[in-house]
């Protein structure tokens, strides 16, 4: 939670110094020639010193998985994708793509982008945009923290921070509710 707050704060602090023109797109704004897997979660277009670009993030949600070794087990999986296309002279060319997924899982499956964290910046003011993706991904049947990743692409470079999200089992609000229930 502190890490995501820090990153969002960093984006806000740098907004006046590192602002690129970013246009949010709807599904109908995406050229029909572009193929992708999953359902679109976000799409945007931006321009930097290297040209014009289109970025799409998608997710499959939970999907059934068949395992021939274990026929009676209900396995599910979830996948996330991101695609960055370069647009030049009405030509669209894939620059990079990202894919992540959970293992086939019989318990809780999570693979979701964290709302409000998909961003395009130029924090180092070098004219080349950074594309930020932040998501949680896990297969778990307990209260252990889900895996969390922050992926940043700048040009052809990829940078990653991998870790775990923090699990809040008990906070002041829940304590107040429990105390009220106990007093009845």
Protein backbone atom coordinates (compact mmCIF):
# COMPACT_ATOMS: atom_id res chain seq x y z
CA UNK A 1 0.00 0.00 0.00
CA UNK A 2 2.80 2.41 0.88
CA UNK A 3 4.61 1.52 -2.34
CA UNK A 4 1.56 2.19 -4.50
CA UNK A 5 0.94 5.48 -2.63
CA UNK A 6 4.58 6.45 -3.22
CA UNK A 7 4.35 5.72 -6.93
CA UNK A 8 1.07 7.61 -7.34
CA UNK A 9 2.58 10.53 -5.40
CA UNK A 10 5.61 10.43 -7.65
CA UNK A 11 3.37 10.62 -10.72
CA UNK A 12 1.51 13.62 -9.29
CA UNK A 13 4.68 15.42 -8.22
CA UNK A 14 6.22 15.02 -11.66
CA UNK A 15 3.04 15.84 -13.59
CA UNK A 16 4.00 19.45 -14.28
CA UNK A 17 7.57 18.58 -15.29
CA UNK A 18 7.07 15.32 -17.16
CA UNK A 19 3.73 15.66 -18.89
CA UNK A 20 3.21 13.95 -22.23
CA UNK A 21 0.07 14.29 -24.28
CA UNK A 22 -1.86 11.11 -23.50
CA UNK A 23 -5.27 10.36 -25.04
CA UNK A 24 -7.53 7.76 -23.44
CA UNK A 25 -9.17 5.50 -26.04
CA UNK A 26 -12.33 3.44 -26.08
CA UNK A 27 -12.58 -0.01 -27.62
CA UNK A 28 -14.10 1.51 -30.78
CA UNK A 29 -11.07 3.82 -31.19
CA UNK A 30 -8.69 0.86 -31.55
CA UNK A 31 -7.91 0.00 -35.18
CA UNK A 32 -9.55 -3.25 -36.33
CA UNK A 33 -6.18 -4.58 -37.56
CA UNK A 34 -4.88 -4.83 -33.98
CA UNK A 35 -5.36 -8.23 -32.38
CA UNK A 36 -5.24 -8.89 -28.65
CA UNK A 37 -6.19 -11.54 -26.12
CA UNK A 38 -8.66 -10.96 -23.29
CA UNK A 39 -10.94 -8.03 -22.58
CA UNK A 40 -9.65 -4.47 -22.77
CA UNK A 41 -9.11 -2.82 -19.39
CA UNK A 42 -7.36 0.33 -20.68
CA UNK A 43 -6.22 1.78 -23.97
CA UNK A 44 -4.41 5.00 -24.74
CA UNK A 45 -2.38 6.79 -27.36
CA UNK A 46 0.62 9.01 -26.71
CA UNK A 47 3.47 10.68 -28.58
CA UNK A 48 7.08 11.13 -27.49
CA UNK A 49 10.35 11.85 -29.32
CA UNK A 50 10.33 8.32 -30.80
CA UNK A 51 6.90 8.80 -32.42
CA UNK A 52 3.27 7.94 -31.81
CA UNK A 53 2.30 4.88 -29.77
CA UNK A 54 -0.81 2.91 -28.78
CA UNK A 55 -0.90 0.89 -25.54
CA UNK A 56 -3.61 -1.62 -24.65
CA UNK A 57 -3.99 -3.58 -21.40
CA UNK A 58 -6.27 -6.61 -21.28
CA UNK A 59 -7.31 -9.35 -18.87
CA UNK A 60 -9.12 -12.66 -19.31
CA UNK A 61 -10.76 -12.85 -15.91
CA UNK A 62 -11.14 -16.38 -14.52
CA UNK A 63 -11.10 -19.09 -17.18
CA UNK A 64 -11.66 -22.81 -16.76
CA UNK A 65 -8.60 -25.02 -17.25
CA UNK A 66 -8.76 -28.70 -18.10
CA UNK A 67 -6.19 -30.95 -16.52
CA UNK A 68 -6.08 -34.45 -17.97
CA UNK A 69 -4.21 -35.78 -14.92
CA UNK A 70 -6.86 -34.66 -12.42
CA UNK A 71 -10.32 -34.95 -13.97
CA UNK A 72 -12.51 -34.12 -10.95
CA UNK A 73 -10.71 -30.94 -9.92
CA UNK A 74 -12.19 -27.57 -10.91
CA UNK A 75 -9.14 -25.59 -12.03
CA UNK A 76 -9.18 -21.93 -13.03
CA UNK A 77 -6.59 -19.53 -14.33
CA UNK A 78 -6.41 -15.80 -15.10
CA UNK A 79 -4.15 -13.94 -17.53
CA UNK A 80 -3.06 -10.34 -18.08
CA UNK A 81 -1.67 -8.86 -21.29
CA UNK A 82 -0.28 -5.48 -22.38
CA UNK A 83 0.62 -4.42 -25.92
CA UNK A 84 2.50 -1.36 -27.16
CA UNK A 85 2.26 -0.51 -30.85
CA UNK A 86 4.27 2.06 -32.80
CA UNK A 87 2.23 4.08 -35.32
CA UNK A 88 4.09 5.53 -38.30
CA UNK A 89 2.81 6.47 -41.78
CA UNK A 90 -0.50 4.67 -41.09
CA UNK A 91 1.49 1.51 -40.30
CA UNK A 92 1.02 -0.20 -36.94
CA UNK A 93 3.87 -2.33 -35.62
CA UNK A 94 4.11 -4.19 -32.31
CA UNK A 95 6.91 -2.68 -30.21
CA UNK A 96 6.56 -4.82 -27.05
CA UNK A 97 4.08 -7.01 -25.27
CA UNK A 98 3.72 -8.30 -21.73
CA UNK A 99 1.96 -11.45 -20.51
CA UNK A 100 1.49 -12.74 -16.99
CA UNK A 101 -0.77 -15.42 -15.58
CA UNK A 102 -1.65 -17.49 -12.55
CA UNK A 103 -0.89 -21.17 -12.35
CA UNK A 104 -3.92 -23.48 -12.79
CA UNK A 105 -5.61 -23.15 -9.44
CA UNK A 106 -8.40 -24.86 -7.47
CA UNK A 107 -8.76 -22.02 -4.94
CA UNK A 108 -8.97 -18.22 -5.30
CA UNK A 109 -7.51 -16.82 -8.54
CA UNK A 110 -6.50 -13.18 -8.93
CA UNK A 111 -4.94 -11.43 -11.92
CA UNK A 112 -6.01 -7.79 -11.98
CA UNK A 113 -4.53 -4.46 -12.87
CA UNK A 114 -4.74 -2.04 -9.94
CA UNK A 115 -7.19 0.72 -10.89
CA UNK A 116 -5.69 4.15 -11.44
CA UNK A 117 -2.08 2.98 -11.75
CA UNK A 118 -1.79 2.60 -15.54
CA UNK A 119 0.20 5.67 -16.59
CA UNK A 120 2.51 7.15 -19.20
CA UNK A 121 5.16 9.59 -17.94
CA UNK A 122 8.53 11.08 -18.80
CA UNK A 123 9.98 11.34 -15.31
CA UNK A 124 13.59 11.67 -16.45
CA UNK A 125 12.66 14.33 -19.05
CA UNK A 126 14.60 12.57 -21.83
CA UNK A 127 11.70 12.73 -24.30
CA UNK A 128 11.06 8.97 -24.21
CA UNK A 129 7.90 7.92 -22.40
CA UNK A 130 7.73 5.42 -19.57
CA UNK A 131 4.69 3.12 -19.54
CA UNK A 132 3.72 1.92 -16.04
CA UNK A 133 1.72 -1.23 -15.30
CA UNK A 134 0.85 -2.32 -11.76
CA UNK A 135 -1.07 -5.48 -10.92
CA UNK A 136 -1.76 -8.25 -8.44
CA UNK A 137 -1.53 -11.90 -9.38
CA UNK A 138 -1.97 -15.01 -7.24
CA UNK A 139 -3.48 -18.41 -6.60
CA UNK A 140 -4.26 -18.73 -2.90
CA UNK A 141 -6.66 -20.34 -0.50
CA UNK A 142 -5.69 -18.43 2.63
CA UNK A 143 -5.04 -14.86 3.78
CA UNK A 144 -1.47 -14.72 2.55
CA UNK A 145 -0.56 -11.59 0.58
CA UNK A 146 -1.02 -11.68 -3.19
CA UNK A 147 1.93 -11.18 -5.49
CA UNK A 148 2.24 -7.65 -6.80
CA UNK A 149 4.26 -6.36 -9.73
CA UNK A 150 5.18 -2.96 -11.09
CA UNK A 151 6.42 -3.11 -14.66
CA UNK A 152 7.82 -0.05 -16.43
CA UNK A 153 8.76 0.06 -20.11
CA UNK A 154 10.87 2.86 -21.54
CA UNK A 155 11.53 2.39 -25.22
CA UNK A 156 12.68 -1.21 -25.60
CA UNK A 157 13.79 -1.45 -21.95
CA UNK A 158 11.75 -3.26 -19.31
CA UNK A 159 12.14 -2.69 -15.58
CA UNK A 160 10.30 -4.67 -12.92
CA UNK A 161 9.63 -4.58 -9.20
CA UNK A 162 8.19 -7.80 -7.83
CA UNK A 163 6.91 -8.39 -4.34
CA UNK A 164 3.80 -8.89 -2.29
CA UNK A 165 0.88 -6.65 -1.44
CA UNK A 166 0.15 -5.97 2.18
CA UNK A 167 -2.74 -7.84 3.79
CA UNK A 168 -4.94 -5.87 6.18
CA UNK A 169 -6.51 -8.36 8.55
CA UNK A 170 -7.58 -5.92 11.19
CA UNK A 171 -7.98 -2.15 11.28
CA UNK A 172 -9.69 0.52 13.41
CA UNK A 173 -12.98 0.36 11.50
CA UNK A 174 -13.35 -3.38 12.02
CA UNK A 175 -12.31 -3.04 15.66
CA UNK A 176 -15.07 -0.48 16.24
CA UNK A 177 -17.65 -2.76 14.61
CA UNK A 178 -16.53 -5.76 16.67
CA UNK A 179 -16.66 -3.71 19.90
CA UNK A 180 -20.19 -2.54 19.06
CA UNK A 181 -21.31 -6.12 18.38
CA UNK A 182 -19.76 -7.33 21.62
CA UNK A 183 -21.58 -4.65 23.62
CA UNK A 184 -25.03 -5.82 22.44
